């Protein structure tokens, strides 16, 4: 059964990501292109770190001339470096697809191991629970270009080691192992590590309460193990964490809006859009976006689990601790203000008093809902195991066990995942792939895309990652410090040329060029240390943008290799 479960998980992951394989290196996740391009960038960065061409936690290639603090931006070196050979041979898009497959399948396989070891002796029950953990609604939602969130294969081992903290006489060994796992997870996703630590703390506290005083003897080894874990993890993560919180381009908190993402009360009983029972229109108001449907469990599954708990499982201490953990994290997931059916209620969220604390200020509350999947997976495994103990038939000759199994299946069918929505993106221009850009961008200068690279216009990042080019570019999609101390924003604070080119690219009428606008362009080009302005021929409003830049530059650009390029070296040189 172990092999069959693993193969099944792998095939399921290939099915979910099938669109990424169909279109290969040009496949894009339709719901979240910006994050996909960001992860292509950091996967390419991981290759450069391995070959010695980049430092691990910072890059000057993006957001020139200031650079980007990658340690504070999910650099995923724990994934990018192992996948570097794939990136080197096939490119970062294939690495991205491989990472999604291994993340989904590996997470399910790891939870299968955990459930067999700690929760149930039934292989079938463990497989069903693990499938929910690895392919449940929140995980499929996060598969929309959040591979750092689908790669949770270390989490079951972290939980396993947390459960062993109370073993007498093994505090040193257990503390070292747990500390090393903490370090490994920190280089995959620190936020997942934080949620896992909080979930383990809540579960262990709840379990201790319902089994006290039997747990009294565990207090000392738990504290000793925690101390060793803190020493090991703290020593190995000291410099990376210093870089993240105090290094160049560090920041505090989240950009406006992200910290307010919370789960709608109605979402817990709803079906996610990428499921058999999903309906885009029905759930549009219940989640911040398609990549954050973390609490969509569906009313049939909730009903079956409630029935199983009430009928068979309530007396078990494990079940009561799981329910307490699930309840706490469901409340956390609703954020600072409770919404129901898309409407704001008068109820404050449990997260409101906690969201301003250090570290917790950087948390996106709706993601707490992902903790519900392991809780539901464990309860589902216990429910299926309990069904297996039912008599085959009742006194009235009803097939009780078959009916119960059918009820479980019917509850899960609407949650069966659908493939990610993908489409075929544009190829990287020959101007980049053939290296023509080098004639326009000498050392110390940057390549400025039109419009300037951002979350909505990602050419600069996409070309850099896909082609393996080594130019630097202004702008980008990342989180960095805002204009005011202690604030964070997506991308750099915009400059006048940023705003002008973005507005025209997004449909605004091109203005009449003035001397002031030309002076602003020159000032921005000098700030960016630009070597060239580059406009893709495939940009939707390329003709309008080309004429605008021609007027701003007072000279026509050169059409070559699928782009229009303006040599700005003479404009920048006087202040170089």
Protein backbone atom coordinates (compact mmCIF):
# COMPACT_ATOMS: atom_id res chain seq x y z
CA UNK A 1 0.00 0.00 0.00
CA UNK A 2 2.90 2.39 0.69
CA UNK A 3 4.13 2.17 -2.92
CA UNK A 4 0.61 2.37 -4.33
CA UNK A 5 -0.11 5.48 -2.24
CA UNK A 6 3.11 7.15 -3.38
CA UNK A 7 2.43 6.42 -7.04
CA UNK A 8 -1.14 7.64 -6.65
CA UNK A 9 0.03 10.91 -5.09
CA UNK A 10 2.56 11.43 -7.89
CA UNK A 11 -0.05 10.81 -10.60
CA UNK A 12 -2.46 13.19 -8.86
CA UNK A 13 0.21 15.90 -8.77
CA UNK A 14 0.95 15.41 -12.47
CA UNK A 15 -2.77 15.69 -13.22
CA UNK A 16 -3.17 18.91 -11.24
CA UNK A 17 -0.14 20.48 -12.98
CA UNK A 18 -0.84 19.00 -16.43
CA UNK A 19 -1.20 22.41 -18.08
CA UNK A 20 2.33 23.36 -17.04
CA UNK A 21 3.73 20.31 -18.78
CA UNK A 22 1.65 20.77 -21.93
CA UNK A 23 3.12 24.19 -22.67
CA UNK A 24 6.57 23.52 -21.23
CA UNK A 25 8.88 26.48 -20.69
CA UNK A 26 6.22 28.97 -21.83
CA UNK A 27 3.41 27.77 -19.56
CA UNK A 28 1.95 30.34 -17.19
CA UNK A 29 -0.47 29.88 -14.28
CA UNK A 30 -3.37 32.06 -15.42
CA UNK A 31 -4.51 33.08 -11.94
CA UNK A 32 -1.13 34.28 -10.66
CA UNK A 33 1.47 35.14 -13.28
CA UNK A 34 3.34 37.61 -11.06
CA UNK A 35 4.18 35.07 -8.34
CA UNK A 36 5.15 32.46 -10.92
CA UNK A 37 7.64 34.88 -12.50
CA UNK A 38 9.00 35.73 -9.04
CA UNK A 39 9.65 32.05 -8.30
CA UNK A 40 11.28 31.60 -11.70
CA UNK A 41 13.57 34.45 -10.67
CA UNK A 42 14.53 32.92 -7.30
CA UNK A 43 14.99 29.46 -8.83
CA UNK A 44 17.45 30.97 -11.29
CA UNK A 45 19.03 32.82 -8.36
CA UNK A 46 19.47 29.49 -6.56
CA UNK A 47 21.45 28.21 -9.54
CA UNK A 48 23.64 31.33 -9.45
CA UNK A 49 24.24 30.84 -5.72
CA UNK A 50 25.34 27.26 -6.31
CA UNK A 51 27.76 28.29 -9.08
CA UNK A 52 29.15 31.16 -7.00
CA UNK A 53 27.73 33.91 -9.22
CA UNK A 54 25.41 35.37 -6.54
CA UNK A 55 25.24 35.84 -2.79
CA UNK A 56 22.44 33.86 -1.12
CA UNK A 57 20.23 36.44 0.59
CA UNK A 58 20.44 39.56 -1.58
CA UNK A 59 20.33 40.45 -5.26
CA UNK A 60 21.36 43.54 -7.20
CA UNK A 61 19.86 42.17 -10.43
CA UNK A 62 16.36 43.38 -9.49
CA UNK A 63 15.30 46.83 -8.26
CA UNK A 64 18.45 48.57 -9.46
CA UNK A 65 20.17 50.48 -8.03
CA UNK A 66 19.03 49.44 -4.52
CA UNK A 67 18.59 45.67 -4.90
CA UNK A 68 16.22 43.32 -3.07
CA UNK A 69 16.46 41.57 0.29
CA UNK A 70 15.65 38.04 -0.88
CA UNK A 71 15.76 36.52 2.60
CA UNK A 72 12.74 38.68 3.39
CA UNK A 73 11.09 37.65 0.09
CA UNK A 74 10.88 33.85 0.17
CA UNK A 75 14.18 33.05 -1.54
CA UNK A 76 13.46 29.25 -1.17
CA UNK A 77 17.13 28.29 -1.29
CA UNK A 78 16.16 24.99 0.33
CA UNK A 79 14.29 24.21 -2.89
CA UNK A 80 16.17 26.21 -5.50
CA UNK A 81 19.64 24.82 -4.79
CA UNK A 82 18.60 21.12 -4.93
CA UNK A 83 16.72 21.88 -8.17
CA UNK A 84 19.65 23.82 -9.67
CA UNK A 85 20.60 20.99 -12.09
CA UNK A 86 17.05 21.00 -13.47
CA UNK A 87 17.16 24.79 -13.79
CA UNK A 88 20.53 24.66 -15.54
CA UNK A 89 19.40 22.09 -18.11
CA UNK A 90 15.74 22.90 -18.73
CA UNK A 91 15.24 26.37 -17.26
CA UNK A 92 13.39 27.77 -14.25
CA UNK A 93 9.89 27.16 -15.64
CA UNK A 94 10.46 23.40 -15.72
CA UNK A 95 12.00 23.63 -12.24
CA UNK A 96 8.85 25.46 -11.15
CA UNK A 97 6.63 22.66 -12.51
CA UNK A 98 8.83 19.95 -10.95
CA UNK A 99 8.69 21.80 -7.64
CA UNK A 100 4.89 21.89 -7.67
CA UNK A 101 4.69 18.17 -8.44
CA UNK A 102 7.20 17.16 -5.78
CA UNK A 103 5.64 19.55 -3.28
CA UNK A 104 2.10 18.23 -3.65
CA UNK A 105 3.03 14.55 -3.92
CA UNK A 106 5.78 14.77 -1.29
CA UNK A 107 3.51 16.50 1.21
CA UNK A 108 0.82 13.85 0.79
CA UNK A 109 3.40 11.05 1.08
CA UNK A 110 4.91 12.56 4.24
CA UNK A 111 1.48 12.90 5.87
CA UNK A 112 0.73 9.29 4.90
CA UNK A 113 3.84 8.21 6.81
CA UNK A 114 2.84 10.37 9.77
CA UNK A 115 -0.77 9.16 9.90
CA UNK A 116 0.30 5.50 9.73
CA UNK A 117 2.74 6.08 12.57
CA UNK A 118 0.65 8.23 14.91
CA UNK A 119 -3.04 8.13 14.00
CA UNK A 120 -4.27 4.94 12.34
CA UNK A 121 -3.19 1.40 11.53
CA UNK A 122 -5.36 1.37 8.40
CA UNK A 123 -3.41 2.03 5.22
CA UNK A 124 -6.56 3.01 3.33
CA UNK A 125 -7.60 5.45 6.05
CA UNK A 126 -4.11 6.97 6.15
CA UNK A 127 -4.07 7.31 2.35
CA UNK A 128 -7.41 9.13 2.33
CA UNK A 129 -6.35 11.47 5.15
CA UNK A 130 -2.96 12.13 3.51
CA UNK A 131 -4.63 12.87 0.16
CA UNK A 132 -6.72 15.52 1.89
CA UNK A 133 -3.58 16.96 3.51
CA UNK A 134 -1.65 17.08 0.22
CA UNK A 135 -4.41 17.79 -2.30
CA UNK A 136 -7.09 19.47 -0.21
CA UNK A 137 -8.62 22.75 -1.33
CA UNK A 138 -6.10 25.01 0.37
CA UNK A 139 -3.14 23.18 -1.17
CA UNK A 140 -4.63 23.23 -4.69
CA UNK A 141 -5.39 26.92 -4.25
CA UNK A 142 -1.79 27.58 -3.19
CA UNK A 143 -0.60 25.63 -6.22
CA UNK A 144 -1.57 28.75 -8.17
CA UNK A 145 2.11 29.80 -8.22
CA UNK A 146 2.91 29.43 -4.50
CA UNK A 147 5.27 26.39 -4.63
CA UNK A 148 6.75 27.37 -1.28
CA UNK A 149 3.34 26.71 0.30
CA UNK A 150 2.68 23.41 -1.47
CA UNK A 151 6.14 22.13 -0.47
CA UNK A 152 5.12 21.12 3.06
CA UNK A 153 6.81 17.72 3.06
CA UNK A 154 8.94 18.65 6.09
CA UNK A 155 5.93 19.61 8.21
CA UNK A 156 4.90 16.05 9.20
CA UNK A 157 8.47 15.37 10.36
CA UNK A 158 8.51 18.60 12.35
CA UNK A 159 5.24 17.57 14.01
CA UNK A 160 6.62 14.07 14.59
CA UNK A 161 9.66 15.48 16.38
CA UNK A 162 7.47 17.90 18.35
CA UNK A 163 5.44 14.94 19.62
CA UNK A 164 8.68 13.30 20.81
CA UNK A 165 9.80 16.29 22.88
CA UNK A 166 8.49 14.71 26.08
CA UNK A 167 10.56 11.50 25.76
CA UNK A 168 12.66 11.12 28.92
CA UNK A 169 16.43 10.94 28.48
CA UNK A 170 16.42 11.91 24.78
CA UNK A 171 16.22 15.67 25.02
CA UNK A 172 19.62 16.28 23.43
CA UNK A 173 19.13 14.03 20.41
CA UNK A 174 15.55 15.13 19.86
CA UNK A 175 16.49 18.78 20.24
CA UNK A 176 19.29 18.56 17.67
CA UNK A 177 17.09 16.74 15.14
CA UNK A 178 14.24 19.19 15.63
CA UNK A 179 16.64 22.14 15.36
CA UNK A 180 18.01 20.87 12.05
CA UNK A 181 14.49 20.38 10.71
CA UNK A 182 13.64 23.93 11.76
CA UNK A 183 16.65 25.23 9.81
CA UNK A 184 15.72 23.22 6.72
CA UNK A 185 12.11 24.45 6.82
CA UNK A 186 13.28 28.05 7.28
CA UNK A 187 14.93 27.85 3.86
CA UNK A 188 11.73 26.49 2.32
CA UNK A 189 9.11 28.76 3.90
CA UNK A 190 9.47 30.60 7.20
CA UNK A 191 5.75 31.35 7.42
CA UNK A 192 4.92 27.64 7.23
CA UNK A 193 7.47 27.09 9.99
CA UNK A 194 5.79 29.72 12.16
CA UNK A 195 2.33 28.22 11.61
CA UNK A 196 3.64 24.73 12.32
CA UNK A 197 5.24 25.89 15.59
CA UNK A 198 2.04 27.65 16.67
CA UNK A 199 -0.11 24.65 15.71
CA UNK A 200 2.14 22.24 17.62
CA UNK A 201 2.05 24.51 20.65
CA UNK A 202 -1.74 24.72 20.60
CA UNK A 203 -2.15 20.98 20.03
CA UNK A 204 0.33 19.96 22.73
CA UNK A 205 -1.25 22.36 25.21
CA UNK A 206 -4.74 21.06 24.41
CA UNK A 207 -3.57 17.45 24.64
CA UNK A 208 -1.87 18.12 27.96
CA UNK A 209 -5.07 19.65 29.33
CA UNK A 210 -7.27 16.70 28.35
CA UNK A 211 -4.76 14.11 29.59
CA UNK A 212 -3.45 15.83 32.72
CA UNK A 213 -1.90 14.78 35.11
CA UNK A 214 -0.38 12.02 32.97
CA UNK A 215 1.68 14.64 31.11
CA UNK A 216 3.22 16.22 34.20
CA UNK A 217 6.42 14.20 33.90
CA UNK A 218 6.92 15.45 30.31
CA UNK A 219 7.39 19.09 31.23
CA UNK A 220 11.11 18.93 31.95
CA UNK A 221 12.16 16.99 28.81
CA UNK A 222 9.91 19.23 26.68
CA UNK A 223 11.60 22.35 28.01
CA UNK A 224 15.07 20.82 27.64
CA UNK A 225 14.35 19.73 24.06
CA UNK A 226 12.99 23.17 23.23
CA UNK A 227 16.14 24.76 24.59
CA UNK A 228 18.42 22.60 22.46
CA UNK A 229 16.23 23.26 19.41
CA UNK A 230 16.49 27.01 19.99
CA UNK A 231 20.28 26.82 20.34
CA UNK A 232 20.79 24.74 17.19
CA UNK A 233 18.30 26.70 15.10
CA UNK A 234 19.43 30.06 16.47
CA UNK A 235 23.10 29.38 15.78
CA UNK A 236 22.55 28.23 12.19
CA UNK A 237 19.96 30.87 11.33
CA UNK A 238 21.57 33.85 13.08
CA UNK A 239 23.11 35.41 9.98
CA UNK A 240 20.19 34.70 7.60
CA UNK A 241 17.74 36.21 10.11
CA UNK A 242 19.99 39.23 10.67
CA UNK A 243 20.05 39.72 6.90
CA UNK A 244 16.28 39.44 6.76
CA UNK A 245 15.40 41.83 9.57
CA UNK A 246 18.38 44.21 9.71
CA UNK A 247 20.22 43.87 6.41
CA UNK A 248 19.98 46.15 3.36
CA UNK A 249 16.44 46.73 2.04
CA UNK A 250 14.89 45.10 5.11
CA UNK A 251 11.41 46.12 6.22
CA UNK A 252 8.72 45.43 8.81
CA UNK A 253 5.23 44.07 8.36
CA UNK A 254 3.35 43.64 5.11
CA UNK A 255 2.22 45.97 2.33
CA UNK A 256 -1.20 47.58 2.85
CA UNK A 257 -4.03 45.14 2.32
CA UNK A 258 -2.17 41.83 2.68
CA UNK A 259 -2.41 41.81 6.49
CA UNK A 260 -6.20 42.22 6.17
CA UNK A 261 -6.69 39.03 4.17
CA UNK A 262 -9.04 36.89 6.24
CA UNK A 263 -11.31 33.90 5.64
CA UNK A 264 -15.01 34.51 5.19
CA UNK A 265 -17.16 32.59 7.67
CA UNK A 266 -19.13 31.14 4.75
CA UNK A 267 -15.97 29.81 3.09
CA UNK A 268 -15.59 26.87 5.49
CA UNK A 269 -18.71 25.19 4.07
CA UNK A 270 -18.09 26.23 0.45
CA UNK A 271 -16.37 24.35 -2.40
CA UNK A 272 -13.22 25.88 -3.95
CA UNK A 273 -13.26 26.93 -7.57
CA UNK A 274 -10.70 24.30 -8.68
CA UNK A 275 -12.83 21.35 -7.54
CA UNK A 276 -15.64 19.24 -8.97
CA UNK A 277 -18.14 21.06 -6.79
CA UNK A 278 -16.64 24.51 -7.27
CA UNK A 279 -18.31 27.54 -8.78
CA UNK A 280 -16.26 30.66 -9.45
CA UNK A 281 -19.17 33.04 -9.08
CA UNK A 282 -20.29 31.44 -5.82
CA UNK A 283 -16.90 31.81 -4.10
CA UNK A 284 -15.60 35.04 -5.60
CA UNK A 285 -16.52 37.06 -2.50
CA UNK A 286 -15.36 34.43 -0.01
CA UNK A 287 -11.59 34.57 -0.57
CA UNK A 288 -9.04 37.35 -1.20
CA UNK A 289 -8.00 35.72 -4.50
CA UNK A 290 -7.77 32.37 -6.25
CA UNK A 291 -4.49 31.50 -4.50
CA UNK A 292 -5.87 31.96 -0.98
CA UNK A 293 -8.90 29.64 -0.79
CA UNK A 294 -7.43 28.06 2.32
CA UNK A 295 -10.56 27.35 4.37
CA UNK A 296 -12.85 25.80 1.75
CA UNK A 297 -13.63 22.37 3.22
CA UNK A 298 -17.18 21.94 1.91
CA UNK A 299 -20.29 21.29 4.00
CA UNK A 300 -20.50 17.51 3.23
CA UNK A 301 -17.01 16.85 4.66
CA UNK A 302 -17.72 19.01 7.69
CA UNK A 303 -20.98 17.14 8.24
CA UNK A 304 -19.33 13.71 7.98
CA UNK A 305 -16.53 14.69 10.36
CA UNK A 306 -19.03 16.15 12.84
CA UNK A 307 -21.09 12.95 12.66
CA UNK A 308 -18.01 10.78 13.19
CA UNK A 309 -16.83 12.85 16.14
CA UNK A 310 -20.26 12.86 17.78
CA UNK A 311 -20.88 9.17 17.14
CA UNK A 312 -17.58 7.44 17.71
CA UNK A 313 -14.56 9.65 18.33
CA UNK A 314 -15.35 12.26 20.97
CA UNK A 315 -14.00 10.27 23.90
CA UNK A 316 -10.50 10.11 22.42
CA UNK A 317 -8.09 12.70 23.83
CA UNK A 318 -6.38 12.97 20.42
CA UNK A 319 -9.67 13.97 18.78
CA UNK A 320 -10.49 16.61 21.36
CA UNK A 321 -7.00 18.12 21.03
CA UNK A 322 -7.36 18.13 17.22
CA UNK A 323 -10.74 19.85 17.46
CA UNK A 324 -9.34 22.49 19.82
CA UNK A 325 -6.45 23.13 17.42
CA UNK A 326 -8.78 23.36 14.44
CA UNK A 327 -11.09 25.77 16.24
CA UNK A 328 -8.25 28.10 17.25
CA UNK A 329 -6.81 28.23 13.75
CA UNK A 330 -10.21 28.66 12.11
CA UNK A 331 -10.67 31.73 14.31
CA UNK A 332 -7.16 32.97 13.48
CA UNK A 333 -7.85 32.50 9.74
CA UNK A 334 -10.79 34.90 9.86
CA UNK A 335 -8.34 37.69 10.57
CA UNK A 336 -8.98 40.96 12.34
CA UNK A 337 -12.61 41.36 11.29
CA UNK A 338 -15.23 38.68 10.72
CA UNK A 339 -16.96 38.64 7.33
CA UNK A 340 -19.90 36.40 6.40
CA UNK A 341 -21.01 35.90 2.82
CA UNK A 342 -18.85 38.82 1.72
CA UNK A 343 -20.47 41.20 4.22
CA UNK A 344 -18.66 42.77 7.16
CA UNK A 345 -20.12 41.78 10.54
CA UNK A 346 -19.87 43.57 13.87
CA UNK A 347 -17.66 40.81 15.28
CA UNK A 348 -13.93 41.49 15.72
CA UNK A 349 -11.58 38.67 14.74
CA UNK A 350 -9.46 36.77 17.25
CA UNK A 351 -6.38 37.84 15.30
CA UNK A 352 -6.93 41.57 15.94
CA UNK A 353 -5.00 41.76 19.26
CA UNK A 354 -2.24 39.46 17.99
CA UNK A 355 -1.56 40.84 14.53
CA UNK A 356 0.58 43.75 15.76
CA UNK A 357 3.05 41.63 17.71
CA UNK A 358 6.63 41.15 16.42
CA UNK A 359 6.84 38.46 13.72
CA UNK A 360 3.05 38.08 13.73
CA UNK A 361 2.79 41.47 12.02
CA UNK A 362 4.10 39.78 8.86
CA UNK A 363 1.44 37.05 8.84
CA UNK A 364 -1.34 36.78 6.24
CA UNK A 365 -4.18 35.55 8.50
CA UNK A 366 -6.15 33.60 5.88
CA UNK A 367 -3.21 31.21 5.55
CA UNK A 368 -3.85 29.93 9.05
CA UNK A 369 -6.64 28.01 7.34
CA UNK A 370 -4.06 25.63 5.89
CA UNK A 371 -3.60 24.17 9.37
CA UNK A 372 -7.17 22.86 9.07
CA UNK A 373 -6.14 20.39 6.35
CA UNK A 374 -3.91 18.20 8.58
CA UNK A 375 -6.55 18.44 11.33
CA UNK A 376 -9.29 17.37 8.91
CA UNK A 377 -7.00 14.74 7.38
CA UNK A 378 -6.34 13.12 10.76
CA UNK A 379 -10.05 13.21 11.67
CA UNK A 380 -10.95 11.73 8.28
CA UNK A 381 -8.46 8.89 8.78
CA UNK A 382 -9.92 8.17 12.22
CA UNK A 383 -13.46 8.28 10.84
CA UNK A 384 -12.65 5.82 8.03
CA UNK A 385 -10.92 3.52 10.52
CA UNK A 386 -14.02 3.68 12.72
CA UNK A 387 -16.26 2.85 9.74
CA UNK A 388 -14.13 -0.25 9.12
CA UNK A 389 -15.08 -1.51 12.59
CA UNK A 390 -18.82 -1.22 11.98
CA UNK A 391 -20.82 -4.42 11.49
CA UNK A 392 -21.42 -5.30 7.85
CA UNK A 393 -25.18 -5.29 8.40
CA UNK A 394 -27.58 -3.98 11.00
CA UNK A 395 -30.32 -5.96 12.68
CA UNK A 396 -32.64 -4.81 9.91
CA UNK A 397 -30.19 -6.21 7.32
CA UNK A 398 -29.07 -2.76 6.14
CA UNK A 399 -25.49 -2.72 4.76
CA UNK A 400 -24.30 -0.34 7.45
CA UNK A 401 -20.60 -0.36 6.64
CA UNK A 402 -21.14 0.14 2.92
CA UNK A 403 -23.53 2.98 3.55
CA UNK A 404 -21.02 4.66 5.85
CA UNK A 405 -18.23 4.30 3.29
CA UNK A 406 -20.53 5.70 0.61
CA UNK A 407 -21.28 8.69 2.82
CA UNK A 408 -17.56 9.40 3.21
CA UNK A 409 -16.97 9.08 -0.55
CA UNK A 410 -19.89 11.39 -1.34
CA UNK A 411 -18.45 13.98 1.06
CA UNK A 412 -15.06 13.88 -0.70
CA UNK A 413 -16.14 13.77 -4.35
CA UNK A 414 -17.04 17.50 -4.59
CA UNK A 415 -13.54 18.35 -3.31
CA UNK A 416 -11.70 16.35 -5.99
CA UNK A 417 -9.24 18.81 -7.55
CA UNK A 418 -9.24 20.06 -11.11
CA UNK A 419 -6.08 20.97 -13.07
CA UNK A 420 -4.61 24.42 -12.64
CA UNK A 421 -5.73 26.98 -15.21
CA UNK A 422 -2.76 27.74 -17.47
CA UNK A 423 -2.02 29.36 -20.80
CA UNK A 424 0.88 29.67 -23.21
CA UNK A 425 2.96 32.79 -22.61
CA UNK A 426 5.02 34.84 -25.01
CA UNK A 427 8.57 33.76 -25.95
CA UNK A 428 11.57 35.69 -24.72
CA UNK A 429 12.63 38.12 -27.48
CA UNK A 430 15.70 37.25 -29.54
CA UNK A 431 17.18 40.57 -28.40
CA UNK A 432 17.63 38.88 -25.01
CA UNK A 433 18.23 35.23 -25.97
CA UNK A 434 20.84 36.07 -28.62
CA UNK A 435 22.68 38.47 -26.30
CA UNK A 436 22.13 41.58 -28.43
CA UNK A 437 21.30 43.49 -25.23
CA UNK A 438 24.98 43.42 -24.26
CA UNK A 439 25.78 46.00 -26.96
CA UNK A 440 23.44 48.46 -25.24
CA UNK A 441 23.94 47.64 -21.55
CA UNK A 442 27.61 47.83 -20.55
CA UNK A 443 28.84 46.82 -17.12
CA UNK A 444 27.40 49.00 -14.38
CA UNK A 445 24.32 49.94 -16.42
CA UNK A 446 20.78 48.54 -16.36
CA UNK A 447 18.15 47.40 -18.85
CA UNK A 448 14.90 49.31 -18.36
CA UNK A 449 11.76 47.70 -19.76
CA UNK A 450 8.81 49.71 -21.10
CA UNK A 451 6.72 49.75 -18.97
CA UNK A 452 9.11 49.42 -16.02
CA UNK A 453 9.10 45.92 -14.49
CA UNK A 454 6.43 45.39 -11.81
CA UNK A 455 3.87 42.82 -10.68
CA UNK A 456 1.64 43.74 -13.64
CA UNK A 457 4.44 44.10 -16.19
CA UNK A 458 6.99 41.40 -15.51
CA UNK A 459 9.06 41.33 -18.71
CA UNK A 460 12.33 42.32 -17.03
CA UNK A 461 12.12 39.50 -14.45
CA UNK A 462 10.72 36.96 -16.88
CA UNK A 463 13.40 37.53 -19.51
CA UNK A 464 16.18 37.51 -16.91
CA UNK A 465 15.06 34.20 -15.44
CA UNK A 466 14.16 32.38 -18.65
CA UNK A 467 17.21 33.41 -20.66
CA UNK A 468 19.75 33.29 -17.84
CA UNK A 469 20.84 36.81 -18.77
CA UNK A 470 22.96 38.68 -16.26
CA UNK A 471 21.70 42.23 -16.70
CA UNK A 472 20.26 44.27 -13.84
CA UNK A 473 16.88 45.98 -14.15
CA UNK A 474 14.90 48.59 -12.20
CA UNK A 475 11.63 47.74 -10.52
CA UNK A 476 10.39 44.19 -10.07
CA UNK A 477 7.84 42.23 -8.07
CA UNK A 478 8.97 41.89 -4.47
CA UNK A 479 8.31 43.36 -1.03
CA UNK A 480 10.59 46.16 0.04
CA UNK A 481 10.70 49.17 2.35
CA UNK A 482 8.19 51.94 1.72
CA UNK A 483 8.88 55.66 1.69
CA UNK A 484 8.07 55.92 5.40
CA UNK A 485 10.24 54.10 7.97
CA UNK A 486 8.70 50.88 9.22
CA UNK A 487 6.45 50.38 6.18
CA UNK A 488 6.49 47.86 3.34
CA UNK A 489 5.32 48.03 -0.27
CA UNK A 490 5.17 45.76 -3.30
CA UNK A 491 7.99 46.87 -5.58
CA UNK A 492 9.91 50.12 -5.18
CA UNK A 493 8.21 53.45 -4.47
CA UNK A 494 7.23 54.54 -8.01
CA UNK A 495 9.07 57.24 -9.91
CA UNK A 496 7.42 59.61 -12.44
CA UNK A 497 8.46 57.53 -15.45
CA UNK A 498 7.11 54.39 -13.74
CA UNK A 499 3.72 55.99 -13.34
CA UNK A 500 3.58 57.45 -16.84
CA UNK A 501 4.54 54.30 -18.74
CA UNK A 502 2.36 52.03 -16.58
CA UNK A 503 -0.69 54.27 -17.00
CA UNK A 504 -0.36 54.32 -20.80
CA UNK A 505 0.31 50.56 -20.92
CA UNK A 506 -2.89 49.99 -18.95
CA UNK A 507 -5.08 52.04 -21.28
CA UNK A 508 -4.62 55.73 -20.49
CA UNK A 509 -4.29 58.18 -23.36
CA UNK A 510 -0.69 59.11 -24.10
CA UNK A 511 -0.13 62.72 -23.01
CA UNK A 512 1.48 65.44 -25.02
CA UNK A 513 5.18 65.37 -24.17
CA UNK A 514 6.56 68.42 -22.38
CA UNK A 515 10.05 69.58 -21.46
CA UNK A 516 9.26 68.77 -17.82
CA UNK A 517 8.38 65.18 -18.74
CA UNK A 518 11.66 64.85 -20.67
CA UNK A 519 13.60 66.18 -17.70
CA UNK A 520 11.80 63.66 -15.46
CA UNK A 521 12.71 60.81 -17.79
CA UNK A 522 16.36 61.82 -17.84
CA UNK A 523 16.44 62.10 -14.04
CA UNK A 524 14.90 58.63 -13.69
CA UNK A 525 17.28 57.10 -16.26
CA UNK A 526 20.23 58.52 -14.36
CA UNK A 527 18.84 57.24 -11.06
CA UNK A 528 18.45 53.76 -12.60
CA UNK A 529 21.92 54.00 -14.25
CA UNK A 530 20.18 52.93 -17.43
CA UNK A 531 21.93 51.67 -20.53
CA UNK A 532 18.83 51.09 -22.67
CA UNK A 533 15.07 51.34 -22.76
CA UNK A 534 13.49 48.20 -24.23
CA UNK A 535 9.91 47.68 -25.44
CA UNK A 536 8.68 44.24 -26.50
CA UNK A 537 6.88 44.11 -29.85
CA UNK A 538 4.32 41.88 -28.12
CA UNK A 539 3.37 44.46 -25.49
CA UNK A 540 -0.40 44.99 -25.97
CA UNK A 541 -0.07 48.77 -26.55
CA UNK A 542 3.37 48.63 -28.16
CA UNK A 543 2.58 51.16 -30.91
CA UNK A 544 1.29 53.77 -28.44
CA UNK A 545 4.19 53.24 -26.05
CA UNK A 546 6.74 53.33 -28.87
CA UNK A 547 5.51 56.72 -30.08
CA UNK A 548 5.46 58.06 -26.52
CA UNK A 549 9.04 57.01 -25.82
CA UNK A 550 10.16 58.28 -29.25
CA UNK A 551 8.74 61.69 -28.29
CA UNK A 552 10.26 61.57 -24.80
CA UNK A 553 13.67 60.62 -26.18
CA UNK A 554 13.31 62.96 -29.17
CA UNK A 555 14.65 60.14 -31.32
CA UNK A 556 13.26 56.97 -32.83
CA UNK A 557 14.02 53.62 -31.26
CA UNK A 558 15.69 50.80 -33.17
CA UNK A 559 13.60 47.74 -34.05
CA UNK A 560 15.64 44.58 -33.53
CA UNK A 561 15.18 41.04 -32.24
CA UNK A 562 11.50 41.40 -31.34
CA UNK A 563 11.91 44.67 -29.41
CA UNK A 564 12.38 48.37 -29.86
CA UNK A 565 15.48 49.64 -28.10
CA UNK A 566 16.58 53.17 -27.25
CA UNK A 567 20.25 53.69 -26.40
CA UNK A 568 20.17 56.07 -23.41
CA UNK A 569 23.88 55.97 -22.67
CA UNK A 570 24.51 59.52 -23.96
CA UNK A 571 21.76 60.86 -21.66
CA UNK A 572 23.08 59.08 -18.57
CA UNK A 573 26.80 59.60 -19.19
CA UNK A 574 27.07 63.24 -17.99
CA UNK A 575 26.19 62.29 -14.41
CA UNK A 576 27.88 58.90 -14.39
